[in-house]
Amino acid sequence: MTEKAIENYFKTEIKKRGGLAVKLNSMSMSGLPDRMVLLPNSIIFFAELKRPGGKARPLQLATHRILENLGFDVYVIDSKEQVKEVINKYGSF
């Protein structure tokens, strides 16, 4: 399975739950996660999507720590099973 396939599955599952999985592209901050997720009831978290077995790079991990220190959840997801686990943490909408 490719990273793109996991990312497409992730976007579809978020959309099914009435949310948005916004692609992040920043010229001013490197290492941002791939997606900012906005769910009903003011839920916001970030997701870095990887191919199976893929790991976040050191710069990405440093940026993830910044976001986590601000109180946001950040996930590195490399499988459909992890997509389900992360989304299920936030319950049903």
PDB file of N, CA and C in Angstrom:
ATOM      1  N   MET A   1       0.839  -1.175   0.000  1.00  0.00           N
ATOM      2  CA  MET A   1       0.000   0.000   0.000  1.00  0.00           C
ATOM      3  C   MET A   1       0.891   1.247   0.000  1.00  0.00           C
ATOM      4  N   THR A   2       0.517   2.249  -0.764  1.00  0.00           N
ATOM      5  CA  THR A   2       1.307   3.467  -0.872  1.00  0.00           C
ATOM      6  C   THR A   2       0.847   4.520   0.142  1.00  0.00           C
ATOM      7  N   GLU A   3       1.696   5.514   0.344  1.00  0.00           N
ATOM      8  CA  GLU A   3       1.324   6.642   1.215  1.00  0.00           C
ATOM      9  C   GLU A   3       0.080   7.334   0.667  1.00  0.00           C
ATOM     10  N   LYS A   4       0.020   7.493  -0.632  1.00  0.00           N
ATOM     11  CA  LYS A   4      -1.138   8.161  -1.255  1.00  0.00           C
ATOM     12  C   LYS A   4      -2.426   7.388  -0.979  1.00  0.00           C
ATOM     13  N   ALA A   5      -2.375   6.070  -1.028  1.00  0.00           N
ATOM     14  CA  ALA A   5      -3.566   5.256  -0.757  1.00  0.00           C
ATOM     15  C   ALA A   5      -4.019   5.433   0.695  1.00  0.00           C
ATOM     16  N   ILE A   6      -3.073   5.463   1.621  1.00  0.00           N
ATOM     17  CA  ILE A   6      -3.415   5.667   3.034  1.00  0.00           C
ATOM     18  C   ILE A   6      -3.998   7.067   3.228  1.00  0.00           C
ATOM     19  N   GLU A   7      -3.384   8.056   2.586  1.00  0.00           N
ATOM     20  CA  GLU A   7      -3.880   9.431   2.709  1.00  0.00           C
ATOM     21  C   GLU A   7      -5.289   9.563   2.134  1.00  0.00           C
ATOM     22  N   ASN A   8      -5.549   8.945   0.999  1.00  0.00           N
ATOM     23  CA  ASN A   8      -6.895   8.999   0.405  1.00  0.00           C
ATOM     24  C   ASN A   8      -7.919   8.314   1.310  1.00  0.00           C
ATOM     25  N   TYR A   9      -7.554   7.184   1.879  1.00  0.00           N
ATOM     26  CA  TYR A   9      -8.442   6.482   2.815  1.00  0.00           C
ATOM     27  C   TYR A   9      -8.721   7.368   4.029  1.00  0.00           C
ATOM     28  N   PHE A  10      -7.679   7.999   4.559  1.00  0.00           N
ATOM     29  CA  PHE A  10      -7.817   8.894   5.705  1.00  0.00           C
ATOM     30  C   PHE A  10      -8.798  10.026   5.393  1.00  0.00           C
ATOM     31  N   LYS A  11      -8.601  10.697   4.256  1.00  0.00           N
ATOM     32  CA  LYS A  11      -9.478  11.807   3.872  1.00  0.00           C
ATOM     33  C   LYS A  11     -10.926  11.348   3.757  1.00  0.00           C
ATOM     34  N   THR A  12     -11.129  10.182   3.156  1.00  0.00           N
ATOM     35  CA  THR A  12     -12.484   9.648   2.980  1.00  0.00           C
ATOM     36  C   THR A  12     -13.141   9.363   4.322  1.00  0.00           C
ATOM     37  N   GLU A  13     -12.403   8.761   5.245  1.00  0.00           N
ATOM     38  CA  GLU A  13     -12.959   8.428   6.560  1.00  0.00           C
ATOM     39  C   GLU A  13     -13.282   9.683   7.363  1.00  0.00           C
ATOM     40  N   ILE A  14     -12.454  10.704   7.261  1.00  0.00           N
ATOM     41  CA  ILE A  14     -12.733  11.966   7.953  1.00  0.00           C
ATOM     42  C   ILE A  14     -13.984  12.609   7.364  1.00  0.00           C
ATOM     43  N   LYS A  15     -14.089  12.611   6.056  1.00  0.00           N
ATOM     44  CA  LYS A  15     -15.255  13.204   5.389  1.00  0.00           C
ATOM     45  C   LYS A  15     -16.545  12.478   5.772  1.00  0.00           C
ATOM     46  N   LYS A  16     -16.503  11.150   5.884  1.00  0.00           N
ATOM     47  CA  LYS A  16     -17.681  10.362   6.285  1.00  0.00           C
ATOM     48  C   LYS A  16     -18.205  10.802   7.648  1.00  0.00           C
ATOM     49  N   ARG A  17     -17.308  11.317   8.481  1.00  0.00           N
ATOM     50  CA  ARG A  17     -17.667  11.732   9.835  1.00  0.00           C
ATOM     51  C   ARG A  17     -17.974  13.221   9.919  1.00  0.00           C
ATOM     52  N   GLY A  18     -18.155  13.843   8.750  1.00  0.00           N
ATOM     53  CA  GLY A  18     -18.529  15.252   8.716  1.00  0.00           C
ATOM     54  C   GLY A  18     -17.380  16.212   8.938  1.00  0.00           C
ATOM     55  N   GLY A  19     -16.158  15.734   8.765  1.00  0.00           N
ATOM     56  CA  GLY A  19     -14.995  16.578   9.014  1.00  0.00           C
ATOM     57  C   GLY A  19     -14.251  16.958   7.756  1.00  0.00           C
ATOM     58  N   LEU A  20     -13.198  17.731   7.964  1.00  0.00           N
ATOM     59  CA  LEU A  20     -12.301  18.144   6.892  1.00  0.00           C
ATOM     60  C   LEU A  20     -10.890  17.694   7.229  1.00  0.00           C
ATOM     61  N   ALA A  21     -10.160  17.240   6.226  1.00  0.00           N
ATOM     62  CA  ALA A  21      -8.741  16.900   6.378  1.00  0.00           C
ATOM     63  C   ALA A  21      -7.982  17.831   5.445  1.00  0.00           C
ATOM     64  N   VAL A  22      -7.607  18.990   5.964  1.00  0.00           N
ATOM     65  CA  VAL A  22      -7.031  20.064   5.169  1.00  0.00           C
ATOM     66  C   VAL A  22      -5.543  19.808   4.932  1.00  0.00           C
ATOM     67  N   LYS A  23      -5.144  19.832   3.659  1.00  0.00           N
ATOM     68  CA  LYS A  23      -3.730  19.665   3.287  1.00  0.00           C
ATOM     69  C   LYS A  23      -2.961  20.899   3.716  1.00  0.00           C
ATOM     70  N   LEU A  24      -1.833  20.690   4.407  1.00  0.00           N
ATOM     71  CA  LEU A  24      -1.016  21.803   4.866  1.00  0.00           C
ATOM     72  C   LEU A  24       0.203  21.985   3.985  1.00  0.00           C
ATOM     73  N   ASN A  25       0.350  23.183   3.467  1.00  0.00           N
ATOM     74  CA  ASN A  25       1.533  23.581   2.697  1.00  0.00           C
ATOM     75  C   ASN A  25       1.953  24.932   3.234  1.00  0.00           C
ATOM     76  N   SER A  26       3.145  25.029   3.768  1.00  0.00           N
ATOM     77  CA  SER A  26       3.583  26.287   4.357  1.00  0.00           C
ATOM     78  C   SER A  26       4.941  26.684   3.828  1.00  0.00           C
ATOM     79  N   MET A  27       5.035  27.917   3.381  1.00  0.00           N
ATOM     80  CA  MET A  27       6.317  28.464   2.939  1.00  0.00           C
ATOM     81  C   MET A  27       7.113  28.972   4.146  1.00  0.00           C
ATOM     82  N   SER A  28       6.435  29.174   5.280  1.00  0.00           N
ATOM     83  CA  SER A  28       7.103  29.795   6.427  1.00  0.00           C
ATOM     84  C   SER A  28       7.458  28.818   7.546  1.00  0.00           C
ATOM     85  N   MET A  29       6.961  27.590   7.476  1.00  0.00           N
ATOM     86  CA  MET A  29       7.250  26.624   8.543  1.00  0.00           C
ATOM     87  C   MET A  29       7.440  25.236   7.935  1.00  0.00           C
ATOM     88  N   SER A  30       8.628  24.717   8.063  1.00  0.00           N
ATOM     89  CA  SER A  30       8.926  23.389   7.533  1.00  0.00           C
ATOM     90  C   SER A  30       8.546  22.318   8.544  1.00  0.00           C
ATOM     91  N   GLY A  31       8.244  21.136   8.043  1.00  0.00           N
ATOM     92  CA  GLY A  31       7.986  19.995   8.906  1.00  0.00           C
ATOM     93  C   GLY A  31       6.566  19.854   9.391  1.00  0.00           C
ATOM     94  N   LEU A  32       5.653  20.703   8.871  1.00  0.00           N
ATOM     95  CA  LEU A  32       4.252  20.576   9.295  1.00  0.00           C
ATOM     96  C   LEU A  32       3.698  19.217   8.888  1.00  0.00           C
ATOM     97  N   PRO A  33       2.775  18.673   9.683  1.00  0.00           N
ATOM     98  CA  PRO A  33       2.120  17.416   9.284  1.00  0.00           C
ATOM     99  C   PRO A  33       1.364  17.600   7.966  1.00  0.00           C
ATOM    100  N   ASP A  34       1.055  16.490   7.316  1.00  0.00           N
ATOM    101  CA  ASP A  34       0.362  16.525   6.025  1.00  0.00           C
ATOM    102  C   ASP A  34      -1.029  17.142   6.116  1.00  0.00           C
ATOM    103  N   ARG A  35      -1.756  16.814   7.185  1.00  0.00           N
ATOM    104  CA  ARG A  35      -3.164  17.200   7.283  1.00  0.00           C
ATOM    105  C   ARG A  35      -3.505  17.800   8.638  1.00  0.00           C
ATOM    106  N   MET A  36      -4.316  18.860   8.604  1.00  0.00           N
ATOM    107  CA  MET A  36      -4.957  19.391   9.796  1.00  0.00           C
ATOM    108  C   MET A  36      -6.403  18.904   9.720  1.00  0.00           C
ATOM    109  N   VAL A  37      -6.852  18.237  10.767  1.00  0.00           N
ATOM    110  CA  VAL A  37      -8.188  17.644  10.762  1.00  0.00           C
ATOM    111  C   VAL A  37      -9.117  18.481  11.621  1.00  0.00           C
ATOM    112  N   LEU A  38     -10.250  18.840  11.040  1.00  0.00           N
ATOM    113  CA  LEU A  38     -11.284  19.606  11.719  1.00  0.00           C
ATOM    114  C   LEU A  38     -12.530  18.733  11.780  1.00  0.00           C
ATOM    115  N   LEU A  39     -12.940  18.394  12.997  1.00  0.00           N
ATOM    116  CA  LEU A  39     -14.121  17.549  13.199  1.00  0.00           C
ATOM    117  C   LEU A  39     -15.196  18.336  13.935  1.00  0.00           C
ATOM    118  N   PRO A  40     -16.451  17.865  13.851  1.00  0.00           N
ATOM    119  CA  PRO A  40     -17.517  18.526  14.610  1.00  0.00           C
ATOM    120  C   PRO A  40     -17.145  18.640  16.093  1.00  0.00           C
ATOM    121  N   ASN A  41     -17.767  19.584  16.752  1.00  0.00           N
ATOM    122  CA  ASN A  41     -17.553  19.852  18.181  1.00  0.00           C
ATOM    123  C   ASN A  41     -16.177  20.443  18.465  1.00  0.00           C
ATOM    124  N   SER A  42     -15.652  21.211  17.513  1.00  0.00           N
ATOM    125  CA  SER A  42     -14.390  21.950  17.682  1.00  0.00           C
ATOM    126  C   SER A  42     -13.181  21.058  17.926  1.00  0.00           C
ATOM    127  N   ILE A  43     -13.162  19.874  17.351  1.00  0.00           N
ATOM    128  CA  ILE A  43     -12.027  18.961  17.490  1.00  0.00           C
ATOM    129  C   ILE A  43     -11.026  19.244  16.375  1.00  0.00           C
ATOM    130  N   ILE A  44      -9.769  19.457  16.770  1.00  0.00           N
ATOM    131  CA  ILE A  44      -8.692  19.706  15.814  1.00  0.00           C
ATOM    132  C   ILE A  44      -7.509  18.812  16.182  1.00  0.00           C
ATOM    133  N   PHE A  45      -6.966  18.118  15.191  1.00  0.00           N
ATOM    134  CA  PHE A  45      -5.719  17.390  15.382  1.00  0.00           C
ATOM    135  C   PHE A  45      -4.961  17.353  14.060  1.00  0.00           C
ATOM    136  N   PHE A  46      -3.732  16.881  14.115  1.00  0.00           N
ATOM    137  CA  PHE A  46      -2.863  16.861  12.947  1.00  0.00           C
ATOM    138  C   PHE A  46      -2.450  15.423  12.643  1.00  0.00           C
ATOM    139  N   ALA A  47      -2.257  15.150  11.346  1.00  0.00           N
ATOM    140  CA  ALA A  47      -1.874  13.801  10.926  1.00  0.00           C
ATOM    141  C   ALA A  47      -0.767  13.860   9.889  1.00  0.00           C
ATOM    142  N   GLU A  48       0.258  13.080  10.130  1.00  0.00           N
ATOM    143  CA  GLU A  48       1.346  12.866   9.176  1.00  0.00           C
ATOM    144  C   GLU A  48       1.118  11.475   8.596  1.00  0.00           C
ATOM    145  N   LEU A  49       0.867  11.387   7.295  1.00  0.00           N
ATOM    146  CA  LEU A  49       0.600  10.109   6.652  1.00  0.00           C
ATOM    147  C   LEU A  49       1.864   9.578   6.008  1.00  0.00           C
ATOM    148  N   LYS A  50       2.140   8.292   6.243  1.00  0.00           N
ATOM    149  CA  LYS A  50       3.343   7.637   5.729  1.00  0.00           C
ATOM    150  C   LYS A  50       2.976   6.320   5.059  1.00  0.00           C
ATOM    151  N   ARG A  51       3.882   5.831   4.239  1.00  0.00           N
ATOM    152  CA  ARG A  51       3.721   4.483   3.682  1.00  0.00           C
ATOM    153  C   ARG A  51       3.890   3.496   4.835  1.00  0.00           C
ATOM    154  N   PRO A  52       3.431   2.270   4.681  1.00  0.00           N
ATOM    155  CA  PRO A  52       3.606   1.291   5.763  1.00  0.00           C
ATOM    156  C   PRO A  52       5.073   1.196   6.194  1.00  0.00           C
ATOM    157  N   GLY A  53       5.282   1.318   7.496  1.00  0.00           N
ATOM    158  CA  GLY A  53       6.632   1.264   8.039  1.00  0.00           C
ATOM    159  C   GLY A  53       7.382   2.581   7.989  1.00  0.00           C
ATOM    160  N   GLY A  54       6.783   3.592   7.343  1.00  0.00           N
ATOM    161  CA  GLY A  54       7.434   4.888   7.221  1.00  0.00           C
ATOM    162  C   GLY A  54       7.482   5.627   8.552  1.00  0.00           C
ATOM    163  N   LYS A  55       8.503   6.418   8.739  1.00  0.00           N
ATOM    164  CA  LYS A  55       8.708   7.178   9.977  1.00  0.00           C
ATOM    165  C   LYS A  55       8.833   8.664   9.657  1.00  0.00           C
ATOM    166  N   ALA A  56       8.459   9.498  10.616  1.00  0.00           N
ATOM    167  CA  ALA A  56       8.622  10.938  10.466  1.00  0.00           C
ATOM    168  C   ALA A  56      10.102  11.290  10.528  1.00  0.00           C
ATOM    169  N   ARG A  57      10.503  12.282   9.736  1.00  0.00           N
ATOM    170  CA  ARG A  57      11.883  12.766   9.739  1.00  0.00           C
ATOM    171  C   ARG A  57      12.128  13.620  10.993  1.00  0.00           C
ATOM    172  N   PRO A  58      13.383  13.813  11.378  1.00  0.00           N
ATOM    173  CA  PRO A  58      13.690  14.608  12.575  1.00  0.00           C
ATOM    174  C   PRO A  58      13.055  16.006  12.571  1.00  0.00           C
ATOM    175  N   LEU A  59      13.074  16.705  11.436  1.00  0.00           N
ATOM    176  CA  LEU A  59      12.449  18.026  11.364  1.00  0.00           C
ATOM    177  C   LEU A  59      10.942  17.929  11.604  1.00  0.00           C
ATOM    178  N   GLN A  60      10.310  16.901  11.045  1.00  0.00           N
ATOM    179  CA  GLN A  60       8.879  16.706  11.269  1.00  0.00           C
ATOM    180  C   GLN A  60       8.600  16.445  12.744  1.00  0.00           C
ATOM    181  N   LEU A  61       9.411  15.602  13.367  1.00  0.00           N
ATOM    182  CA  LEU A  61       9.215  15.303  14.786  1.00  0.00           C
ATOM    183  C   LEU A  61       9.366  16.556  15.643  1.00  0.00           C
ATOM    184  N   ALA A  62      10.313  17.413  15.294  1.00  0.00           N
ATOM    185  CA  ALA A  62      10.496  18.665  16.038  1.00  0.00           C
ATOM    186  C   ALA A  62       9.269  19.562  15.902  1.00  0.00           C
ATOM    187  N   THR A  63       8.723  19.633  14.701  1.00  0.00           N
ATOM    188  CA  THR A  63       7.515  20.437  14.480  1.00  0.00           C
ATOM    189  C   THR A  63       6.321  19.815  15.191  1.00  0.00           C
ATOM    190  N   HIS A  64       6.240  18.500  15.191  1.00  0.00           N
ATOM    191  CA  HIS A  64       5.156  17.815  15.915  1.00  0.00           C
ATOM    192  C   HIS A  64       5.212  18.179  17.394  1.00  0.00           C
ATOM    193  N   ARG A  65       6.420  18.220  17.961  1.00  0.00           N
ATOM    194  CA  ARG A  65       6.567  18.569  19.383  1.00  0.00           C
ATOM    195  C   ARG A  65       6.077  19.991  19.660  1.00  0.00           C
ATOM    196  N   ILE A  66       6.351  20.912  18.737  1.00  0.00           N
ATOM    197  CA  ILE A  66       5.861  22.289  18.895  1.00  0.00           C
ATOM    198  C   ILE A  66       4.336  22.292  18.961  1.00  0.00           C
ATOM    199  N   LEU A  67       3.702  21.581  18.033  1.00  0.00           N
ATOM    200  CA  LEU A  67       2.233  21.515  18.013  1.00  0.00           C
ATOM    201  C   LEU A  67       1.695  20.843  19.270  1.00  0.00           C
ATOM    202  N   GLU A  68       2.347  19.777  19.703  1.00  0.00           N
ATOM    203  CA  GLU A  68       1.913  19.074  20.919  1.00  0.00           C
ATOM    204  C   GLU A  68       2.071  19.967  22.148  1.00  0.00           C
ATOM    205  N   ASN A  69       3.126  20.762  22.199  1.00  0.00           N
ATOM    206  CA  ASN A  69       3.321  21.686  23.319  1.00  0.00           C
ATOM    207  C   ASN A  69       2.254  22.781  23.348  1.00  0.00           C
ATOM    208  N   LEU A  70       1.637  23.035  22.202  1.00  0.00           N
ATOM    209  CA  LEU A  70       0.523  23.980  22.139  1.00  0.00           C
ATOM    210  C   LEU A  70      -0.807  23.321  22.495  1.00  0.00           C
ATOM    211  N   GLY A  71      -0.772  22.009  22.736  1.00  0.00           N
ATOM    212  CA  GLY A  71      -1.969  21.297  23.161  1.00  0.00           C
ATOM    213  C   GLY A  71      -2.681  20.492  22.093  1.00  0.00           C
ATOM    214  N   PHE A  72      -2.096  20.407  20.908  1.00  0.00           N
ATOM    215  CA  PHE A  72      -2.721  19.649  19.822  1.00  0.00           C
ATOM    216  C   PHE A  72      -2.209  18.210  19.793  1.00  0.00           C
ATOM    217  N   ASP A  73      -3.071  17.299  19.388  1.00  0.00           N
ATOM    218  CA  ASP A  73      -2.658  15.920  19.140  1.00  0.00           C
ATOM    219  C   ASP A  73      -2.063  15.838  17.737  1.00  0.00           C
ATOM    220  N   VAL A  74      -0.967  15.087  17.604  1.00  0.00           N
ATOM    221  CA  VAL A  74      -0.319  14.860  16.315  1.00  0.00           C
ATOM    222  C   VAL A  74      -0.072  13.360  16.190  1.00  0.00           C
ATOM    223  N   TYR A  75      -0.488  12.789  15.062  1.00  0.00           N
ATOM    224  CA  TYR A  75      -0.344  11.353  14.831  1.00  0.00           C
ATOM    225  C   TYR A  75       0.475  11.101  13.573  1.00  0.00           C
ATOM    226  N   VAL A  76       1.323  10.092  13.625  1.00  0.00           N
ATOM    227  CA  VAL A  76       2.015   9.580  12.432  1.00  0.00           C
ATOM    228  C   VAL A  76       1.309   8.274  12.109  1.00  0.00           C
ATOM    229  N   ILE A  77       0.690   8.224  10.944  1.00  0.00           N
ATOM    230  CA  ILE A  77      -0.190   7.115  10.561  1.00  0.00           C
ATOM    231  C   ILE A  77       0.387   6.422   9.340  1.00  0.00           C
ATOM    232  N   ASP A  78       0.555   5.085   9.427  1.00  0.00           N
ATOM    233  CA  ASP A  78       1.132   4.353   8.292  1.00  0.00           C
ATOM    234  C   ASP A  78       0.308   3.140   7.867  1.00  0.00           C
ATOM    235  N   SER A  79      -0.957   3.093   8.284  1.00  0.00           N
ATOM    236  CA  SER A  79      -1.808   1.963   7.869  1.00  0.00           C
ATOM    237  C   SER A  79      -3.282   2.342   8.000  1.00  0.00           C
ATOM    238  N   LYS A  80      -4.120   1.583   7.310  1.00  0.00           N
ATOM    239  CA  LYS A  80      -5.569   1.777   7.443  1.00  0.00           C
ATOM    240  C   LYS A  80      -6.029   1.494   8.871  1.00  0.00           C
ATOM    241  N   GLU A  81      -5.391   0.519   9.514  1.00  0.00           N
ATOM    242  CA  GLU A  81      -5.755   0.185  10.893  1.00  0.00           C
ATOM    243  C   GLU A  81      -5.496   1.369  11.813  1.00  0.00           C
ATOM    244  N   GLN A  82      -4.369   2.052  11.613  1.00  0.00           N
ATOM    245  CA  GLN A  82      -4.074   3.232  12.424  1.00  0.00           C
ATOM    246  C   GLN A  82      -5.048   4.358  12.137  1.00  0.00           C
ATOM    247  N   VAL A  83      -5.472   4.499  10.889  1.00  0.00           N
ATOM    248  CA  VAL A  83      -6.496   5.503  10.562  1.00  0.00           C
ATOM    249  C   VAL A  83      -7.720   5.254  11.431  1.00  0.00           C
ATOM    250  N   LYS A  84      -8.183   4.014  11.472  1.00  0.00           N
ATOM    251  CA  LYS A  84      -9.369   3.670  12.264  1.00  0.00           C
ATOM    252  C   LYS A  84      -9.144   3.941  13.748  1.00  0.00           C
ATOM    253  N   GLU A  85      -7.977   3.554  14.267  1.00  0.00           N
ATOM    254  CA  GLU A  85      -7.669   3.762  15.685  1.00  0.00           C
ATOM    255  C   GLU A  85      -7.707   5.242  16.051  1.00  0.00           C
ATOM    256  N   VAL A  86      -7.066   6.069  15.242  1.00  0.00           N
ATOM    257  CA  VAL A  86      -7.025   7.503  15.531  1.00  0.00           C
ATOM    258  C   VAL A  86      -8.422   8.103  15.483  1.00  0.00           C
ATOM    259  N   ILE A  87      -9.162   7.815  14.446  1.00  0.00           N
ATOM    260  CA  ILE A  87     -10.499   8.391  14.322  1.00  0.00           C
ATOM    261  C   ILE A  87     -11.417   7.919  15.443  1.00  0.00           C
ATOM    262  N   ASN A  88     -11.297   6.662  15.822  1.00  0.00           N
ATOM    263  CA  ASN A  88     -12.140   6.128  16.904  1.00  0.00           C
ATOM    264  C   ASN A  88     -11.859   6.780  18.255  1.00  0.00           C
ATOM    265  N   LYS A  89     -10.671   7.356  18.445  1.00  0.00           N
ATOM    266  CA  LYS A  89     -10.355   8.068  19.691  1.00  0.00           C
ATOM    267  C   LYS A  89     -11.303   9.242  19.922  1.00  0.00           C
ATOM    268  N   TYR A  90     -11.833   9.761  18.834  1.00  0.00           N
ATOM    269  CA  TYR A  90     -12.667  10.956  18.922  1.00  0.00           C
ATOM    270  C   TYR A  90     -14.161  10.645  18.918  1.00  0.00           C
ATOM    271  N   GLY A  91     -14.510   9.360  18.951  1.00  0.00           N
ATOM    272  CA  GLY A  91     -15.910   8.969  19.053  1.00  0.00           C
ATOM    273  C   GLY A  91     -16.687   9.165  17.773  1.00  0.00           C
ATOM    274  N   SER A  92     -17.992   9.067  17.898  1.00  0.00           N
ATOM    275  CA  SER A  92     -18.870   9.235  16.737  1.00  0.00           C
ATOM    276  C   SER A  92     -19.464  10.638  16.764  1.00  0.00           C
ATOM    277  N   PHE A  93     -19.856  11.102  15.608  1.00  0.00           N
ATOM    278  CA  PHE A  93     -20.362  12.466  15.501  1.00  0.00           C
ATOM    279  C   PHE A  93     -21.779  12.443  15.034  1.00  0.00           C
TER     280      PHE A  93
END
